[in-house]
N, C-alpha and C. Protein backbone atom coordinates (compact mmCIF):
# COMPACT_ATOMS: atom_id res chain seq x y z
N MET A 1 100.67 63.79 107.01
CA MET A 1 101.46 64.74 106.89
C MET A 1 101.64 65.39 107.80
N GLY A 2 101.59 65.17 109.15
CA GLY A 2 101.75 65.81 110.10
C GLY A 2 100.44 66.55 110.75
N GLN A 3 100.91 67.33 112.24
CA GLN A 3 99.81 67.92 112.65
C GLN A 3 100.41 69.46 112.21
N SER A 4 98.96 69.90 112.60
CA SER A 4 98.45 71.58 112.19
C SER A 4 98.81 72.22 113.17
N GLU A 5 99.42 73.54 113.01
CA GLU A 5 99.21 74.24 114.23
C GLU A 5 99.47 75.58 113.71
N ILE A 6 98.62 76.79 114.96
CA ILE A 6 98.63 77.99 114.24
C ILE A 6 99.58 78.88 115.52
N ARG A 7 100.08 80.10 114.70
CA ARG A 7 101.12 80.55 115.40
C ARG A 7 100.99 82.00 114.74
N ALA A 8 101.68 82.79 116.01
CA ALA A 8 101.49 84.28 115.34
C ALA A 8 102.90 84.68 114.69
N GLY A 9 101.94 85.52 113.48
CA GLY A 9 102.97 85.97 111.94
C GLY A 9 104.02 86.86 112.47
N ARG A 10 105.35 86.26 112.05
CA ARG A 10 106.49 86.93 112.12
C ARG A 10 106.97 87.97 111.16
N ARG A 11 108.12 88.63 111.05
CA ARG A 11 108.56 89.33 110.12
C ARG A 11 108.72 88.57 109.01
N ASP A 12 109.43 87.41 109.62
CA ASP A 12 110.29 86.43 108.09
C ASP A 12 109.30 85.57 107.41
N ASP A 13 107.39 85.93 107.97
CA ASP A 13 106.75 85.55 106.54
C ASP A 13 106.30 86.46 106.00
N ALA A 14 106.67 88.02 105.80
CA ALA A 14 106.32 88.36 105.11
C ALA A 14 106.39 88.44 103.41
N ALA A 15 107.15 87.26 102.78
CA ALA A 15 107.00 86.69 101.54
C ALA A 15 105.73 86.03 101.19
N GLN A 16 105.65 85.13 102.15
CA GLN A 16 104.62 84.24 101.92
C GLN A 16 103.41 85.07 102.35
N LEU A 17 103.48 85.89 103.29
CA LEU A 17 102.21 86.48 103.14
C LEU A 17 101.67 87.44 102.31
N ALA A 18 102.34 88.27 101.46
CA ALA A 18 102.38 88.68 100.16
C ALA A 18 101.50 87.75 99.36
N VAL A 19 102.23 86.26 99.10
CA VAL A 19 102.05 85.15 98.13
C VAL A 19 100.15 84.85 98.44
N LEU A 20 99.84 84.81 99.75
CA LEU A 20 99.04 84.46 100.38
C LEU A 20 97.59 85.47 100.38
N VAL A 21 98.22 86.42 100.11
CA VAL A 21 97.31 87.86 100.29
C VAL A 21 96.63 87.85 98.31
N ASP A 22 97.37 87.96 98.02
CA ASP A 22 97.11 87.53 96.05
C ASP A 22 96.54 86.40 96.11
N ILE A 23 96.63 85.27 96.78
CA ILE A 23 95.71 84.16 96.44
C ILE A 23 94.06 84.56 97.06
N ALA A 24 94.36 85.72 98.50
CA ALA A 24 92.97 85.26 98.87
C ALA A 24 92.24 86.81 98.22
N SER A 25 92.89 87.66 97.29
CA SER A 25 91.73 88.74 96.60
C SER A 25 92.25 88.43 95.39
N GLN A 26 92.29 87.11 94.74
CA GLN A 26 91.55 86.82 93.51
C GLN A 26 93.04 87.26 92.25
N GLY A 27 94.35 87.39 92.45
CA GLY A 27 94.91 88.53 92.09
C GLY A 27 94.72 90.36 91.59
N MET A 28 93.75 90.80 92.74
CA MET A 28 93.35 92.48 93.33
C MET A 28 94.58 92.74 94.19
N ALA A 29 95.32 92.15 95.06
CA ALA A 29 96.48 92.41 95.60
C ALA A 29 97.85 92.83 94.59
N SER A 30 98.06 91.96 93.94
CA SER A 30 99.24 91.79 92.83
C SER A 30 98.92 93.03 91.81
N ALA A 31 97.75 93.61 90.89
CA ALA A 31 97.58 94.39 90.32
C ALA A 31 97.68 96.08 91.14
N MET A 32 97.16 95.97 92.37
CA MET A 32 97.38 97.17 92.93
C MET A 32 98.89 97.23 93.10
N TRP A 33 99.72 96.37 93.48
CA TRP A 33 101.41 96.06 93.74
C TRP A 33 101.72 97.08 92.37
N ARG A 34 101.51 96.68 91.38
CA ARG A 34 101.67 96.71 90.00
C ARG A 34 101.60 98.32 89.86
N GLU A 35 100.32 99.03 90.32
CA GLU A 35 99.79 100.34 90.11
C GLU A 35 100.98 100.98 90.97
N MET A 36 101.03 100.31 91.90
CA MET A 36 102.04 101.02 93.12
C MET A 36 103.72 101.31 92.83
N SER A 37 103.72 100.32 91.58
CA SER A 37 105.43 100.56 91.52
C SER A 37 106.01 101.61 90.78
N GLU A 38 107.20 101.62 91.48
CA GLU A 38 108.27 103.20 91.12
C GLU A 38 109.09 102.42 90.39
N SER A 39 109.30 102.73 89.66
CA SER A 39 110.78 102.41 88.81
C SER A 39 111.30 101.02 88.62
N GLY A 40 110.10 100.21 88.22
CA GLY A 40 109.82 98.71 88.02
C GLY A 40 110.37 98.17 89.03
N THR A 41 109.53 98.44 90.60
CA THR A 41 110.16 97.41 91.51
C THR A 41 108.98 96.25 91.53
N PRO A 42 109.56 95.16 91.72
CA PRO A 42 108.60 93.96 91.36
C PRO A 42 107.58 94.11 92.44
N PRO A 43 105.98 93.98 91.87
CA PRO A 43 104.93 93.89 92.85
C PRO A 43 105.19 92.30 93.94
N ALA A 44 105.72 91.51 93.54
CA ALA A 44 105.91 90.75 95.11
C ALA A 44 106.76 91.08 96.02
N GLN A 45 107.94 92.40 95.62
CA GLN A 45 108.62 93.17 96.84
C GLN A 45 107.89 94.09 97.58
N ILE A 46 106.62 95.03 96.65
CA ILE A 46 106.13 95.52 97.35
C ILE A 46 105.04 95.12 98.37
N GLY A 47 104.64 94.18 97.89
CA GLY A 47 103.89 92.88 98.72
C GLY A 47 104.06 93.07 100.38
N ARG A 48 105.55 91.93 99.79
CA ARG A 48 106.72 92.24 101.21
C ARG A 48 106.52 93.06 102.14
N GLU A 49 107.06 94.21 101.47
CA GLU A 49 107.25 95.42 102.15
C GLU A 49 106.04 96.44 103.02
N ARG A 50 104.84 96.13 102.47
CA ARG A 50 103.35 96.26 102.91
C ARG A 50 103.50 95.37 103.85
N ALA A 51 103.75 93.81 104.31
CA ALA A 51 103.64 93.16 105.19
C ALA A 51 104.43 92.85 106.36
N LEU A 52 105.56 93.97 106.20
CA LEU A 52 106.34 94.14 106.89
C LEU A 52 106.31 95.52 107.93
N ARG A 53 105.20 96.13 107.68
CA ARG A 53 104.61 97.24 108.15
C ARG A 53 104.35 96.56 109.41
N GLU A 54 104.77 97.96 110.31
CA GLU A 54 103.90 97.30 111.90
C GLU A 54 102.91 98.28 112.25
N VAL A 55 102.24 98.71 111.05
CA VAL A 55 100.98 99.26 111.25
C VAL A 55 100.03 99.07 110.19
N GLY A 56 99.16 99.17 110.32
CA GLY A 56 97.97 99.13 108.87
C GLY A 56 97.60 98.10 109.08
N GLY A 57 96.18 97.65 108.55
CA GLY A 57 95.37 96.40 108.10
C GLY A 57 96.31 94.78 107.91
N PHE A 58 96.70 95.28 106.72
CA PHE A 58 98.18 94.42 106.21
C PHE A 58 99.46 94.41 106.68
N SER A 59 99.74 93.65 108.08
CA SER A 59 100.86 93.69 108.79
C SER A 59 101.19 92.50 109.19
N TYR A 60 102.18 91.76 109.37
CA TYR A 60 102.64 90.42 109.93
C TYR A 60 102.22 90.68 111.37
N ARG A 61 101.95 91.40 111.93
CA ARG A 61 101.46 91.37 113.06
C ARG A 61 99.98 91.54 113.59
N HIS A 62 99.30 91.21 112.57
CA HIS A 62 97.95 90.75 112.47
C HIS A 62 97.47 89.60 112.31
N ALA A 63 98.86 89.28 111.14
CA ALA A 63 98.84 87.74 110.78
C ALA A 63 98.86 86.49 111.80
N HIS A 64 97.98 85.06 111.45
CA HIS A 64 98.05 83.94 112.14
C HIS A 64 98.55 83.01 110.95
N ILE A 65 99.51 82.04 111.13
CA ILE A 65 99.90 81.54 110.22
C ILE A 65 99.40 80.06 110.75
N VAL A 66 99.03 79.14 109.86
CA VAL A 66 98.90 77.57 109.85
C VAL A 66 99.72 77.09 109.48
N GLU A 67 100.62 76.25 110.04
CA GLU A 67 101.38 75.52 109.55
C GLU A 67 101.08 73.70 109.41
N LEU A 68 101.38 72.88 108.65
CA LEU A 68 100.91 71.38 108.37
C LEU A 68 102.39 70.71 108.41
N GLY A 69 102.61 70.26 109.41
CA GLY A 69 103.84 69.36 109.23
C GLY A 69 105.45 70.12 109.14
N GLY A 70 105.17 71.36 109.67
CA GLY A 70 106.02 72.15 109.77
C GLY A 70 106.23 73.26 108.30
N GLU A 71 105.64 73.37 107.59
CA GLU A 71 105.22 73.91 106.38
C GLU A 71 104.29 74.84 106.77
N ILE A 72 104.13 76.41 105.88
CA ILE A 72 103.38 77.33 106.19
C ILE A 72 102.31 77.19 104.81
N ALA A 73 101.04 76.74 105.54
CA ALA A 73 100.03 76.37 104.43
C ALA A 73 98.66 77.49 104.39
N GLY A 74 98.82 78.20 105.10
CA GLY A 74 97.84 79.87 104.87
C GLY A 74 97.69 80.24 106.03
N CYS A 75 97.03 81.50 106.08
CA CYS A 75 97.06 82.71 106.94
C CYS A 75 95.28 83.08 107.32
N ALA A 76 95.48 83.64 108.14
CA ALA A 76 94.48 84.86 108.24
C ALA A 76 95.00 85.81 108.82
N VAL A 77 94.61 87.25 108.29
CA VAL A 77 94.64 88.37 108.73
C VAL A 77 93.79 89.04 109.70
N SER A 78 93.73 89.28 110.67
CA SER A 78 92.38 89.72 111.49
C SER A 78 92.68 90.92 112.32
N TYR A 79 91.69 91.74 112.74
CA TYR A 79 92.01 92.90 113.32
C TYR A 79 90.74 93.04 114.01
N ARG A 80 90.57 94.11 114.94
CA ARG A 80 89.50 94.90 114.87
C ARG A 80 89.35 96.31 114.23
N MET A 81 87.93 96.41 113.62
CA MET A 81 87.91 97.67 112.71
C MET A 81 87.80 98.32 113.49
N GLU A 82 88.44 99.63 113.32
CA GLU A 82 88.36 100.75 114.14
C GLU A 82 87.33 101.72 113.28
N PRO A 83 86.36 102.82 113.69
CA PRO A 83 85.26 103.48 113.42
C PRO A 83 86.18 104.37 112.62
N SER A 84 85.75 104.51 111.18
CA SER A 84 86.05 105.13 110.41
C SER A 84 85.07 106.55 109.37
N ASN A 85 85.79 107.35 109.54
CA ASN A 85 85.23 108.65 109.00
C ASN A 85 85.93 109.15 107.57
N SER A 86 86.58 107.97 107.38
CA SER A 86 87.51 108.17 105.91
C SER A 86 86.56 109.37 105.14
N ASP A 87 86.87 109.67 104.22
CA ASP A 87 86.39 110.67 102.91
C ASP A 87 86.56 109.38 102.00
N LEU A 88 85.65 108.67 101.34
CA LEU A 88 85.85 108.08 100.59
C LEU A 88 86.26 108.88 98.89
N ALA A 89 86.38 110.16 98.92
CA ALA A 89 86.91 110.71 97.80
C ALA A 89 88.50 110.52 97.90
N ASP A 90 89.01 109.99 99.01
CA ASP A 90 90.52 110.06 99.26
C ASP A 90 90.61 108.28 98.70
N VAL A 91 90.01 107.57 98.98
CA VAL A 91 90.26 106.28 98.31
C VAL A 91 90.19 105.89 96.88
N PRO A 92 91.51 104.80 97.01
CA PRO A 92 91.91 104.57 95.27
C PRO A 92 90.33 103.95 95.04
N PRO A 93 89.95 103.99 93.67
CA PRO A 93 88.39 103.63 93.00
C PRO A 93 88.46 102.04 93.33
N ARG A 94 89.46 101.55 93.34
CA ARG A 94 89.56 99.70 93.17
C ARG A 94 89.23 99.27 94.62
N VAL A 95 89.19 100.05 95.56
CA VAL A 95 88.96 99.84 96.49
C VAL A 95 87.90 100.28 97.57
N ARG A 96 87.84 101.27 96.47
CA ARG A 96 86.62 101.82 97.19
C ARG A 96 85.27 101.06 98.06
N GLU A 97 84.90 99.95 97.07
CA GLU A 97 84.36 99.30 97.24
C GLU A 97 84.08 98.55 98.75
N LEU A 98 85.26 98.12 98.90
CA LEU A 98 85.54 97.16 100.20
C LEU A 98 85.36 98.50 101.56
N VAL A 99 86.24 99.47 101.48
CA VAL A 99 85.95 100.48 102.25
C VAL A 99 84.50 100.86 102.58
N GLU A 100 83.68 100.82 101.61
CA GLU A 100 82.44 101.73 101.86
C GLU A 100 81.56 100.10 103.13
N LEU A 101 82.18 98.66 102.95
CA LEU A 101 81.52 97.62 103.11
C LEU A 101 82.11 97.87 104.35
N GLU A 102 83.47 98.00 104.54
CA GLU A 102 84.44 97.86 106.10
C GLU A 102 83.71 99.18 107.21
N GLN A 103 83.12 100.03 106.39
CA GLN A 103 82.96 100.65 107.36
C GLN A 103 81.28 100.81 108.04
N GLN A 104 80.91 99.76 107.40
CA GLN A 104 79.77 99.33 108.06
C GLN A 104 79.63 98.56 109.47
N VAL A 105 80.74 97.97 109.43
CA VAL A 105 81.19 97.13 110.62
C VAL A 105 82.32 97.61 111.72
N PRO A 106 81.96 98.50 112.21
CA PRO A 106 82.88 99.17 113.29
C PRO A 106 82.95 98.05 114.51
N ASP A 107 84.15 98.57 115.24
CA ASP A 107 84.40 97.67 116.14
C ASP A 107 84.11 95.80 116.30
N HIS A 108 83.85 95.51 115.08
CA HIS A 108 83.61 93.94 114.65
C HIS A 108 85.55 93.89 114.52
N TRP A 109 85.15 92.22 114.58
CA TRP A 109 86.65 91.34 114.31
C TRP A 109 86.95 91.14 112.82
N TYR A 110 87.26 91.77 112.61
CA TYR A 110 87.55 91.69 111.07
C TYR A 110 88.30 90.84 110.20
N VAL A 111 88.12 89.71 109.92
CA VAL A 111 88.78 88.72 109.00
C VAL A 111 89.38 88.91 107.66
N ASN A 112 90.30 90.09 107.73
CA ASN A 112 90.58 90.75 106.43
C ASN A 112 91.33 89.51 105.56
N VAL A 113 92.01 88.81 105.78
CA VAL A 113 92.06 87.76 104.96
C VAL A 113 92.22 86.66 105.47
N LEU A 114 91.82 85.44 104.34
CA LEU A 114 91.80 83.72 104.31
C LEU A 114 91.95 83.19 103.36
N ALA A 115 93.49 82.62 103.80
CA ALA A 115 93.81 81.84 102.37
C ALA A 115 94.81 80.90 102.96
N ILE A 116 94.57 79.59 102.07
CA ILE A 116 94.96 78.65 102.30
C ILE A 116 95.76 78.22 100.65
N TYR A 117 97.30 77.48 100.99
CA TYR A 117 97.45 77.54 99.45
C TYR A 117 96.68 76.39 99.00
N PRO A 118 96.67 76.52 97.38
CA PRO A 118 95.84 74.95 96.95
C PRO A 118 96.18 73.47 97.39
N GLU A 119 97.46 73.16 97.90
CA GLU A 119 97.56 71.88 97.75
C GLU A 119 97.84 71.43 99.24
N TYR A 120 97.01 72.63 100.00
CA TYR A 120 96.54 72.00 101.37
C TYR A 120 95.07 72.72 101.50
N ARG A 121 94.22 72.70 100.86
CA ARG A 121 92.96 73.10 101.10
C ARG A 121 92.26 71.62 101.09
N GLY A 122 91.12 71.70 101.58
CA GLY A 122 89.98 70.35 101.93
C GLY A 122 90.64 69.69 103.18
N LYS A 123 91.44 70.27 103.83
CA LYS A 123 91.93 69.59 105.38
C LYS A 123 91.63 70.19 106.85
N GLY A 124 90.73 71.28 106.34
CA GLY A 124 89.76 71.70 108.03
C GLY A 124 91.03 72.96 108.46
N LEU A 125 91.93 73.51 107.67
CA LEU A 125 92.81 74.17 107.80
C LEU A 125 92.28 75.72 107.80
N GLY A 126 90.90 76.31 106.60
CA GLY A 126 90.42 77.60 106.78
C GLY A 126 89.47 77.30 108.14
N SER A 127 88.55 76.16 108.26
CA SER A 127 87.95 76.35 109.78
C SER A 127 88.84 76.18 110.95
N LEU A 128 90.02 75.92 110.98
CA LEU A 128 90.57 76.16 112.06
C LEU A 128 91.18 77.74 112.12
N LEU A 129 91.61 78.12 111.09
CA LEU A 129 91.90 79.54 111.17
C LEU A 129 90.67 80.32 111.42
N LEU A 130 89.42 80.19 110.96
CA LEU A 130 88.14 80.66 111.21
C LEU A 130 87.67 80.76 112.83
N ASP A 131 87.97 79.84 113.52
CA ASP A 131 87.51 79.01 114.67
C ASP A 131 88.66 80.24 115.74
N HIS A 132 89.98 80.12 115.24
CA HIS A 132 91.07 80.79 116.47
C HIS A 132 90.60 82.68 115.69
N ALA A 133 90.12 82.95 114.54
CA ALA A 133 89.71 84.33 114.46
C ALA A 133 88.78 84.86 115.46
N ASP A 134 87.84 83.71 115.65
CA ASP A 134 86.71 83.97 116.49
C ASP A 134 86.78 84.24 117.91
N SER A 135 88.14 83.37 118.34
CA SER A 135 88.69 83.18 119.44
C SER A 135 89.05 84.85 119.85
N LEU A 136 90.36 85.47 119.11
CA LEU A 136 90.52 86.66 118.88
C LEU A 136 89.26 87.64 119.03
N GLY A 137 88.59 87.66 118.39
CA GLY A 137 87.63 88.40 118.91
C GLY A 137 86.62 88.60 119.83
N ARG A 138 86.40 87.30 120.29
CA ARG A 138 85.70 86.75 121.96
C ARG A 138 86.78 87.94 122.86
N ASP A 139 87.86 87.79 122.80
CA ASP A 139 89.11 88.48 123.90
C ASP A 139 89.02 89.73 123.52
N ALA A 140 88.61 90.17 122.03
CA ALA A 140 88.69 91.76 122.03
C ALA A 140 87.38 91.80 122.18
N ILE A 141 86.59 91.28 122.92
CA ILE A 141 85.35 92.02 123.18
C ILE A 141 84.26 92.98 121.78
N SER A 142 84.77 92.28 120.66
CA SER A 142 84.27 93.35 119.92
C SER A 142 82.36 92.72 119.61
N SER A 143 82.49 93.91 118.68
CA SER A 143 80.25 94.09 118.60
C SER A 143 80.14 92.52 117.78
N GLY A 144 81.28 91.94 116.90
CA GLY A 144 80.64 90.67 115.86
C GLY A 144 82.20 90.49 115.43
N MET A 145 81.78 89.82 114.70
CA MET A 145 82.51 89.10 113.63
C MET A 145 82.50 89.50 111.99
N ALA A 146 82.99 90.08 111.30
CA ALA A 146 82.99 90.22 109.88
C ALA A 146 84.15 89.82 108.89
N ILE A 147 83.40 89.52 107.38
CA ILE A 147 84.64 89.32 106.90
C ILE A 147 84.01 89.59 105.15
N ILE A 148 84.92 89.42 104.18
CA ILE A 148 84.12 89.80 102.86
C ILE A 148 84.61 89.05 102.13
N VAL A 149 83.87 88.81 101.06
CA VAL A 149 84.37 87.57 100.28
C VAL A 149 83.45 88.09 98.71
N ALA A 150 84.72 87.29 97.18
CA ALA A 150 84.17 87.65 96.58
C ALA A 150 83.22 87.08 95.93
N SER A 151 82.38 87.61 95.36
CA SER A 151 80.53 86.61 94.86
C SER A 151 80.48 85.55 94.25
N GLY A 152 81.66 85.34 93.31
CA GLY A 152 82.20 84.09 93.07
C GLY A 152 82.78 82.93 93.39
N ASN A 153 83.48 83.64 94.40
CA ASN A 153 84.26 82.23 95.14
C ASN A 153 83.42 81.49 96.20
N GLN A 154 82.38 81.08 95.18
CA GLN A 154 81.51 79.52 96.07
C GLN A 154 82.27 78.43 97.25
N ARG A 155 83.28 78.68 97.41
CA ARG A 155 83.81 77.29 97.90
C ARG A 155 84.26 78.39 99.22
N ALA A 156 84.51 79.53 99.33
CA ALA A 156 84.86 80.25 100.62
C ALA A 156 83.54 80.51 101.06
N ARG A 157 82.44 81.02 100.62
CA ARG A 157 81.34 81.31 100.85
C ARG A 157 80.69 80.34 101.80
N LYS A 158 80.68 78.65 101.31
CA LYS A 158 80.24 78.00 101.76
C LYS A 158 80.73 77.91 103.34
N LEU A 159 82.43 77.81 103.20
CA LEU A 159 82.98 77.66 104.83
C LEU A 159 82.32 78.68 105.34
N TYR A 160 82.12 80.15 104.78
CA TYR A 160 81.56 81.36 106.05
C TYR A 160 80.18 80.32 106.67
N ASP A 161 79.58 80.22 105.38
CA ASP A 161 78.08 79.93 105.88
C ASP A 161 77.90 78.92 107.26
N ARG A 162 79.03 77.13 107.06
CA ARG A 162 79.07 76.93 108.40
C ARG A 162 79.40 77.29 109.28
N HIS A 163 80.03 78.67 109.05
CA HIS A 163 80.42 78.79 110.42
C HIS A 163 79.68 80.03 111.16
N GLY A 164 78.57 80.24 110.57
CA GLY A 164 77.54 80.93 110.76
C GLY A 164 77.56 82.24 110.70
N TYR A 165 78.42 82.69 109.49
CA TYR A 165 78.76 84.09 109.00
C TYR A 165 77.37 84.28 107.30
N ARG A 166 76.86 85.63 107.84
CA ARG A 166 74.94 85.80 106.99
C ARG A 166 75.85 87.07 106.22
N PHE A 167 74.76 87.22 105.08
CA PHE A 167 75.03 88.04 103.90
C PHE A 167 74.60 89.24 104.78
N LEU A 168 75.21 90.22 104.76
CA LEU A 168 74.79 92.08 105.44
C LEU A 168 74.58 92.88 104.04
N ASP A 169 75.90 92.91 103.45
CA ASP A 169 75.14 94.02 101.92
C ASP A 169 76.69 93.63 101.00
N GLN A 170 76.54 93.99 99.58
CA GLN A 170 77.50 93.87 99.08
C GLN A 170 77.27 94.92 98.06
N ARG A 171 78.65 95.17 96.88
CA ARG A 171 79.00 96.17 96.12
C ARG A 171 79.46 95.72 94.90
N SER A 172 78.86 96.08 93.86
CA SER A 172 79.80 95.82 92.77
C SER A 172 81.64 96.18 92.72
N ALA A 173 82.35 95.36 92.19
CA ALA A 173 83.89 95.34 92.34
C ALA A 173 84.26 95.87 91.17
N THR A 174 84.93 96.94 91.24
CA THR A 174 85.69 97.70 89.85
C THR A 174 86.25 96.22 89.73
N PRO A 175 86.53 96.14 88.34
CA PRO A 175 87.49 95.06 87.83
C PRO A 175 88.88 95.00 87.56
N TYR A 176 89.45 94.71 87.77
CA TYR A 176 90.91 94.59 87.78
C TYR A 176 91.69 93.65 86.55
N PRO A 177 92.90 94.04 86.24
CA PRO A 177 93.64 93.11 84.99
C PRO A 177 94.02 91.63 85.55
N GLY A 178 93.32 90.72 85.12
CA GLY A 178 93.38 89.54 85.54
C GLY A 178 92.54 88.94 86.54
N GLY A 179 91.49 89.65 87.01
CA GLY A 179 90.37 89.68 87.80
C GLY A 179 89.25 88.87 86.78
N PRO A 180 88.55 88.38 87.67
CA PRO A 180 87.48 88.10 87.22
C PRO A 180 86.70 89.24 86.24
N PRO A 181 86.15 89.35 85.64
CA PRO A 181 85.15 90.60 84.43
C PRO A 181 84.04 90.77 85.52
N GLU A 182 83.26 90.32 86.06
CA GLU A 182 82.31 90.85 86.97
C GLU A 182 82.05 90.03 88.37
N GLN A 183 81.79 90.67 89.15
CA GLN A 183 81.90 89.98 90.33
C GLN A 183 81.20 91.24 91.82
N SER A 184 80.94 90.44 92.73
CA SER A 184 80.69 91.99 93.65
C SER A 184 81.48 91.43 95.10
N TRP A 185 81.53 92.30 95.79
CA TRP A 185 82.45 92.02 97.32
C TRP A 185 81.20 91.81 98.19
N VAL A 186 81.03 90.94 98.74
CA VAL A 186 79.87 89.99 99.69
C VAL A 186 80.75 90.42 100.91
N LEU A 187 79.80 91.52 102.04
CA LEU A 187 80.27 91.70 103.22
C LEU A 187 79.48 90.37 104.18
N MET A 188 79.83 89.80 105.15
CA MET A 188 79.73 88.37 105.83
C MET A 188 79.52 88.82 106.90
N THR A 189 78.63 89.12 108.44
CA THR A 189 79.02 88.93 109.80
C THR A 189 78.47 87.69 110.47
N LYS A 190 78.70 88.14 111.54
CA LYS A 190 78.21 87.06 112.48
C LYS A 190 78.57 87.53 113.61
N PRO A 191 77.50 87.13 115.17
CA PRO A 191 77.72 87.49 116.37
C PRO A 191 78.76 86.77 116.92
N ILE A 192 79.90 87.26 118.19
CA ILE A 192 80.38 86.33 118.96
C ILE A 192 79.60 85.88 119.54
N GLU A 193 80.05 84.46 119.47
CA GLU A 193 79.43 83.62 120.31
C GLU A 193 80.49 82.97 121.52
């Protein structure tokens, strides 16, 4: 299948980043993009436009792409979590729980997205991306590493456990169309090594 390689995200990755973010969010991203749609703009286009932004958490600028044999196999979107004094009343209900958890980890290197296309899973690419994120966190001299995972995503939880992440807190998730009926968002952290 070829050699794996990690590279920085580029503007021309925007369409695939939108797909991968939707995979990582278990469909929550596309549900939100549908809600944001004006005049019938397809959700995937809204996702691409958001990935093309120069600022904000979900931007190609924070993405790292893993390729296998020259094909995009997955990505991680990570960055330093800035301290926030956001008024949660201004945050859309669907993401309020996530923002509450994120506010607990200021100055941590936050892995906002980790996604591998299904056909590339089981090849160690998630571990490769987590190791890369660790390196970025060390270089940024952050307070630690942080990640949020859906409670029902046992495969991801096991991966994060193996990489030293430990439970810190959780919040019940607001249900969304196409998503699991009951789940929680679980905040996991680890010290910088």
